Amino acid sequence: MMNGEIRNFRTVFSLRCITGRAEVRGSLFRNSDFAIRNSHRAFTLLELLVVIGLLVLLAGLVVPSFRGALERSQLPESAEQFRALIAMTRAQAMLDGLRYRIRFLNPDEPAAEGLNEAELNQPIVEVERDPLAAPEEYTPVLAAWAQSASFLGDVWCFRIRIGEPTVETVKADLQDQELETEDEERLRAEMALTDDQDWALVLQPDGSAPWMTFRLIDAERAEFKDEELLDHPQVDVIVDGRTGMVFLQRPLSDDELEILLDKGHSPVLRRDFMVSRELTDDDVLEIDMRR
């Protein structure tokens, strides 16, 4: 009997202890929740105004910086997209076995009537669909890849140079001079251009194309003046007529051209060169290694 009573006492004592801990713990939790609820309070109007003022101040600092970075990226990104368009057009010409051409609308030609400035800035892709029945008759390509915008913001092509670039032609560009090529009339005839149409890049069914340099600039057409040429960022999109490769290159200065001239190099570096730093002898050495 004694042992049974002891076991019953232990059982009852254990239950009471457990119950007591549960009650105490539950009481503590309830008190804690009450304290937490009581500690929460609404923001005052003054605090909300301070937070809003800080957010407005932060936005004022961040937005101009972000906008400037976006504008600086529009020119190189437009050049990249234009290069992709040239590559796609070349591939399509080889796939279809037809001649394609890329050109820019002249504001004076009928096709440009009714277009806004952003639409007028964009390159257009055309195809000679029936070279036998309708030779040199080009019609616009309506595929999505040809209709998507290549140039962003105020970027547009303000100059096209025919033929392989030389130091003389590049210097003429720096001085904003026109340097006529001997093959101009022949090339215009091959491109099937009318008098009111600008130059076009014609891509043959075998993928070949003439040397051509497109000078892109980030400036509004309406405010563009020749004497302010050097005040706006520019990029050359250079199409290598021998290989079909396309290089992106910023305009070179007179000093940089003299370095290349002394080394007997072409002003085409045969690689992308978009950095603002000056061309160095190390760059020329790298060019030698690539040749």
Protein backbone atom coordinates (compact mmCIF):
# COMPACT_ATOMS: atom_id res chain seq x y z
CA MET A 1 0.00 0.00 0.00
CA MET A 2 2.76 2.33 0.91
CA ASN A 3 4.39 2.03 -2.50
CA GLY A 4 1.09 2.63 -4.29
CA GLU A 5 0.38 5.73 -2.27
CA ILE A 6 3.82 7.10 -3.04
CA ARG A 7 3.30 6.54 -6.78
CA ASN A 8 -0.12 8.26 -6.65
CA PHE A 9 1.39 11.20 -4.75
CA ARG A 10 4.16 11.59 -7.34
CA THR A 11 1.65 11.50 -10.16
CA VAL A 12 -0.58 14.13 -8.57
CA PHE A 13 2.39 16.34 -7.68
CA SER A 14 3.74 16.12 -11.24
CA LEU A 15 0.39 17.08 -12.73
CA ARG A 16 0.08 20.04 -10.40
CA CYS A 17 3.59 21.22 -11.24
CA ILE A 18 2.98 20.92 -14.96
CA THR A 19 -0.38 22.67 -14.69
CA GLY A 20 1.16 25.39 -12.59
CA ARG A 21 3.92 26.02 -15.14
CA ALA A 22 1.35 26.12 -17.93
CA GLU A 23 -0.77 28.60 -16.04
CA VAL A 24 2.20 30.80 -15.19
CA ARG A 25 3.52 30.61 -18.75
CA GLY A 26 0.11 31.43 -20.21
CA SER A 27 -0.18 34.38 -17.86
CA LEU A 28 3.23 35.65 -18.91
CA PHE A 29 2.33 35.38 -22.60
CA ARG A 30 -0.92 37.24 -22.08
CA ASN A 31 0.86 40.00 -20.18
CA SER A 32 3.54 40.18 -22.90
CA ASP A 33 0.97 40.47 -25.71
CA PHE A 34 -0.82 43.18 -23.80
CA ALA A 35 2.45 45.09 -23.37
CA ILE A 36 3.32 44.77 -27.05
CA ARG A 37 -0.12 45.96 -28.11
CA ASN A 38 0.10 48.89 -25.80
CA SER A 39 3.58 49.78 -27.12
CA HIS A 40 2.29 50.29 -30.70
CA ARG A 41 1.02 53.76 -31.53
CA ALA A 42 0.21 55.74 -34.67
CA PHE A 43 2.70 58.09 -36.34
CA THR A 44 2.15 61.75 -35.74
CA LEU A 45 1.57 64.16 -38.61
CA LEU A 46 4.97 65.72 -37.99
CA GLU A 47 6.74 62.37 -38.31
CA LEU A 48 4.93 61.60 -41.57
CA LEU A 49 5.87 64.98 -43.00
CA VAL A 50 9.52 64.45 -42.08
CA VAL A 51 9.58 61.03 -43.79
CA ILE A 52 7.88 62.39 -46.92
CA GLY A 53 10.34 65.28 -47.04
CA LEU A 54 13.29 62.89 -46.83
CA LEU A 55 11.87 60.73 -49.63
CA VAL A 56 11.37 63.79 -51.86
CA LEU A 57 14.92 64.94 -51.16
CA LEU A 58 16.31 61.48 -51.95
CA ALA A 59 14.32 61.30 -55.18
CA GLY A 60 15.65 64.71 -56.20
CA LEU A 61 19.20 63.43 -55.81
CA VAL A 62 18.73 60.03 -57.47
CA VAL A 63 16.46 60.84 -60.44
CA PRO A 64 18.80 63.33 -62.23
CA SER A 65 21.71 60.92 -61.84
CA PHE A 66 19.64 58.03 -63.18
CA ARG A 67 18.34 60.15 -66.05
CA GLY A 68 21.88 61.23 -66.98
CA ALA A 69 23.11 57.63 -66.97
CA LEU A 70 20.15 56.62 -69.14
CA GLU A 71 20.82 59.38 -71.66
CA ARG A 72 24.51 58.49 -71.82
CA SER A 73 23.62 54.88 -72.58
CA GLN A 74 21.26 55.74 -75.44
CA LEU A 75 23.97 56.37 -78.05
CA PRO A 76 26.04 53.17 -77.54
CA GLU A 77 22.88 51.10 -77.16
CA SER A 78 21.47 52.57 -80.38
CA ALA A 79 24.73 51.76 -82.16
CA GLU A 80 24.57 48.18 -80.87
CA GLN A 81 20.98 47.80 -82.06
CA PHE A 82 21.86 49.25 -85.47
CA ARG A 83 24.72 46.75 -85.78
CA ALA A 84 22.29 43.94 -84.92
CA LEU A 85 19.91 45.21 -87.61
CA ILE A 86 22.70 45.15 -90.20
CA ALA A 87 23.63 41.59 -89.21
CA MET A 88 20.01 40.45 -89.37
CA THR A 89 19.47 42.08 -92.77
CA ARG A 90 22.63 40.47 -94.11
CA ALA A 91 21.52 37.05 -92.88
CA GLN A 92 18.06 37.53 -94.41
CA ALA A 93 19.56 38.53 -97.76
CA MET A 94 21.65 35.36 -97.83
CA LEU A 95 18.68 33.24 -96.71
CA ASP A 96 16.26 34.61 -99.32
CA GLY A 97 18.81 35.02 -102.10
CA LEU A 98 17.63 38.61 -102.63
CA ARG A 99 19.14 42.05 -102.36
CA TYR A 100 18.26 44.02 -99.24
CA ARG A 101 19.15 47.57 -98.38
CA ILE A 102 19.14 49.76 -95.25
CA ARG A 103 18.66 53.47 -95.61
CA PHE A 104 17.31 56.55 -93.85
CA LEU A 105 14.41 58.60 -95.06
CA ASN A 106 15.15 62.04 -96.40
CA PRO A 107 12.68 64.55 -94.91
CA ASP A 108 11.97 65.81 -98.45
CA GLU A 109 10.95 62.49 -100.00
CA PRO A 110 7.24 61.50 -100.18
CA ALA A 111 7.65 58.47 -97.90
CA ALA A 112 8.65 60.77 -95.03
CA GLU A 113 5.47 62.81 -95.18
CA GLY A 114 3.47 62.68 -91.95
CA LEU A 115 6.23 61.06 -89.88
CA ASN A 116 7.32 62.55 -86.58
CA GLU A 117 10.95 63.13 -85.69
CA ALA A 118 11.37 59.83 -83.82
CA GLU A 119 10.03 57.86 -86.79
CA LEU A 120 12.13 59.85 -89.24
CA ASN A 121 15.28 58.99 -87.27
CA GLN A 122 14.84 55.24 -87.64
CA PRO A 123 16.57 53.17 -90.35
CA ILE A 124 14.28 51.39 -92.79
CA VAL A 125 14.87 47.98 -94.38
CA GLU A 126 13.81 47.33 -97.96
CA VAL A 127 14.03 44.31 -100.27
CA GLU A 128 14.22 43.86 -104.05
CA ARG A 129 11.53 41.17 -104.19
CA ASP A 130 11.55 40.44 -107.92
CA PRO A 131 14.90 41.28 -109.52
CA LEU A 132 13.78 39.93 -112.92
CA ALA A 133 10.33 41.47 -113.35
CA ALA A 134 10.98 44.60 -111.28
CA PRO A 135 14.73 45.18 -111.00
CA GLU A 136 15.92 47.89 -108.61
CA GLU A 137 12.41 48.23 -107.19
CA TYR A 138 12.60 48.04 -103.39
CA THR A 139 9.68 47.67 -101.01
CA PRO A 140 9.70 47.96 -97.19
CA VAL A 141 10.21 44.83 -95.12
CA LEU A 142 7.29 44.52 -92.69
CA ALA A 143 8.71 41.79 -90.47
CA ALA A 144 8.92 42.59 -86.76
CA TRP A 145 12.73 42.50 -86.70
CA ALA A 146 12.84 45.19 -89.42
CA GLN A 147 10.11 47.39 -87.95
CA SER A 148 11.39 47.63 -84.37
CA ALA A 149 13.08 50.89 -83.39
CA SER A 150 16.89 50.82 -83.46
CA PHE A 151 17.64 54.35 -82.25
CA LEU A 152 16.69 55.60 -78.80
CA GLY A 153 15.88 59.13 -77.68
CA ASP A 154 17.37 61.80 -79.94
CA VAL A 155 19.90 59.52 -81.66
CA TRP A 156 19.97 59.72 -85.46
CA CYS A 157 22.37 59.27 -88.37
CA PHE A 158 23.55 62.65 -89.62
CA ARG A 159 26.29 61.54 -92.02
CA ILE A 160 27.07 58.56 -94.24
CA ARG A 161 30.49 58.03 -95.74
CA ILE A 162 30.98 55.69 -98.72
CA GLY A 163 34.17 53.68 -99.17
CA GLU A 164 36.92 52.42 -96.88
CA PRO A 165 37.84 55.12 -94.35
CA THR A 166 41.21 56.80 -94.77
CA VAL A 167 43.00 59.38 -92.66
CA GLU A 168 41.97 62.02 -95.20
CA THR A 169 38.25 61.18 -95.07
CA VAL A 170 38.29 60.99 -91.28
CA LYS A 171 40.01 64.38 -91.03
CA ALA A 172 37.42 65.78 -93.42
CA ASP A 173 34.74 64.55 -91.04
CA LEU A 174 36.48 66.31 -88.15
CA GLN A 175 36.49 69.55 -90.12
CA ASP A 176 32.91 68.94 -91.30
CA GLN A 177 34.00 68.92 -94.95
CA GLU A 178 32.48 66.96 -97.78
CA LEU A 179 34.95 64.76 -99.62
CA GLU A 180 33.48 63.31 -102.79
CA THR A 181 34.46 59.81 -103.90
CA GLU A 182 35.18 58.89 -107.50
CA ASP A 183 32.65 56.05 -107.44
CA GLU A 184 29.75 58.10 -106.10
CA GLU A 185 27.62 58.04 -109.26
CA ARG A 186 28.29 54.35 -109.86
CA LEU A 187 27.40 53.48 -106.28
CA ARG A 188 24.21 55.51 -106.35
CA ALA A 189 23.18 53.66 -109.50
CA GLU A 190 23.90 50.30 -107.86
CA MET A 191 21.86 51.30 -104.82
CA ALA A 192 18.90 52.24 -107.04
CA LEU A 193 18.54 55.60 -105.30
CA THR A 194 16.50 58.49 -106.63
CA ASP A 195 17.73 62.07 -106.42
CA ASP A 196 15.77 62.75 -103.22
CA GLN A 197 17.01 59.65 -101.40
CA ASP A 198 20.09 59.43 -99.18
CA TRP A 199 22.74 56.74 -99.29
CA ALA A 200 21.79 53.13 -98.62
CA LEU A 201 23.68 50.07 -97.48
CA VAL A 202 22.95 47.34 -100.06
CA LEU A 203 23.49 43.77 -98.91
CA GLN A 204 23.91 41.26 -101.74
CA PRO A 205 22.57 37.68 -101.72
CA ASP A 206 26.10 36.43 -101.04
CA GLY A 207 26.37 38.66 -97.97
CA SER A 208 28.76 41.18 -99.48
CA ALA A 209 28.32 44.92 -99.04
CA PRO A 210 30.26 48.11 -99.77
CA TRP A 211 32.41 49.84 -97.17
CA MET A 212 30.22 52.34 -95.37
CA THR A 213 30.44 54.49 -92.25
CA PHE A 214 27.35 55.74 -90.45
CA ARG A 215 27.98 58.65 -88.07
CA LEU A 216 25.40 58.59 -85.26
CA ILE A 217 24.84 61.57 -83.01
CA ASP A 218 22.77 62.20 -79.90
CA ALA A 219 21.17 65.59 -80.61
CA GLU A 220 17.76 66.91 -81.52
CA ARG A 221 17.36 67.46 -85.26
CA ALA A 222 15.53 70.76 -84.81
CA GLU A 223 18.35 72.25 -82.72
CA PHE A 224 21.22 70.68 -84.64
CA LYS A 225 23.75 73.07 -86.14
CA ASP A 226 26.98 72.24 -87.92
CA GLU A 227 29.06 74.57 -85.77
CA GLU A 228 27.90 72.69 -82.65
CA LEU A 229 28.95 69.35 -84.08
CA LEU A 230 31.66 68.61 -81.54
CA ASP A 231 29.40 69.43 -78.60
CA HIS A 232 27.36 66.25 -78.97
CA PRO A 233 28.43 62.63 -78.44
CA GLN A 234 29.00 60.66 -81.64
CA VAL A 235 29.71 57.08 -82.70
CA ASP A 236 30.79 55.65 -86.04
CA VAL A 237 29.18 52.40 -87.19
CA ILE A 238 31.71 51.07 -89.70
CA VAL A 239 30.72 48.29 -92.12
CA ASP A 240 33.72 46.36 -93.45
CA GLY A 241 32.93 45.67 -97.11
CA ARG A 242 35.36 42.75 -97.31
CA THR A 243 34.25 40.68 -94.34
CA GLY A 244 30.80 42.07 -93.50
CA MET A 245 31.95 42.78 -89.94
CA VAL A 246 30.63 45.90 -88.20
CA PHE A 247 32.72 47.93 -85.76
CA LEU A 248 31.65 50.64 -83.32
CA GLN A 249 34.20 53.38 -82.93
CA ARG A 250 34.13 56.88 -81.50
CA PRO A 251 35.53 59.66 -83.73
CA LEU A 252 39.32 59.89 -83.50
CA SER A 253 41.14 63.13 -82.74
CA ASP A 254 43.88 64.68 -84.89
CA ASP A 255 46.58 63.44 -82.49
CA GLU A 256 45.22 59.90 -82.60
CA LEU A 257 45.07 60.00 -86.39
CA GLU A 258 48.70 61.13 -86.50
CA ILE A 259 49.70 58.14 -84.35
CA LEU A 260 47.97 55.76 -86.75
CA LEU A 261 49.42 57.57 -89.75
CA ASP A 262 52.96 57.26 -88.35
CA LYS A 263 52.43 53.54 -87.82
CA GLY A 264 50.94 53.12 -91.29
CA HIS A 265 47.56 52.00 -89.95
CA SER A 266 44.05 52.56 -91.21
CA PRO A 267 41.76 54.66 -89.01
CA VAL A 268 39.56 51.57 -88.74
CA LEU A 269 40.79 49.86 -85.56
CA ARG A 270 38.96 46.63 -86.44
CA ARG A 271 37.55 46.37 -82.93
CA ASP A 272 35.07 48.34 -80.88
CA PHE A 273 36.62 51.47 -79.40
CA MET A 274 34.08 53.54 -77.50
CA VAL A 275 36.11 54.66 -74.48
CA SER A 276 36.79 58.36 -73.95
CA ARG A 277 40.51 57.94 -73.16
CA GLU A 278 43.12 58.75 -75.78
CA LEU A 279 44.44 56.08 -78.12
CA THR A 280 47.81 54.83 -76.85
CA ASP A 281 50.78 52.92 -78.23
CA ASP A 282 49.50 49.83 -76.41
CA ASP A 283 46.29 50.06 -78.41
CA VAL A 284 48.32 50.32 -81.62
CA LEU A 285 50.34 47.25 -80.54
CA GLU A 286 47.10 45.35 -80.00
CA ILE A 287 45.97 46.40 -83.47
CA ASP A 288 49.22 45.04 -84.91
CA MET A 289 48.64 41.72 -83.18
CA ARG A 290 45.14 41.49 -84.62
CA ARG A 291 46.29 42.03 -88.20
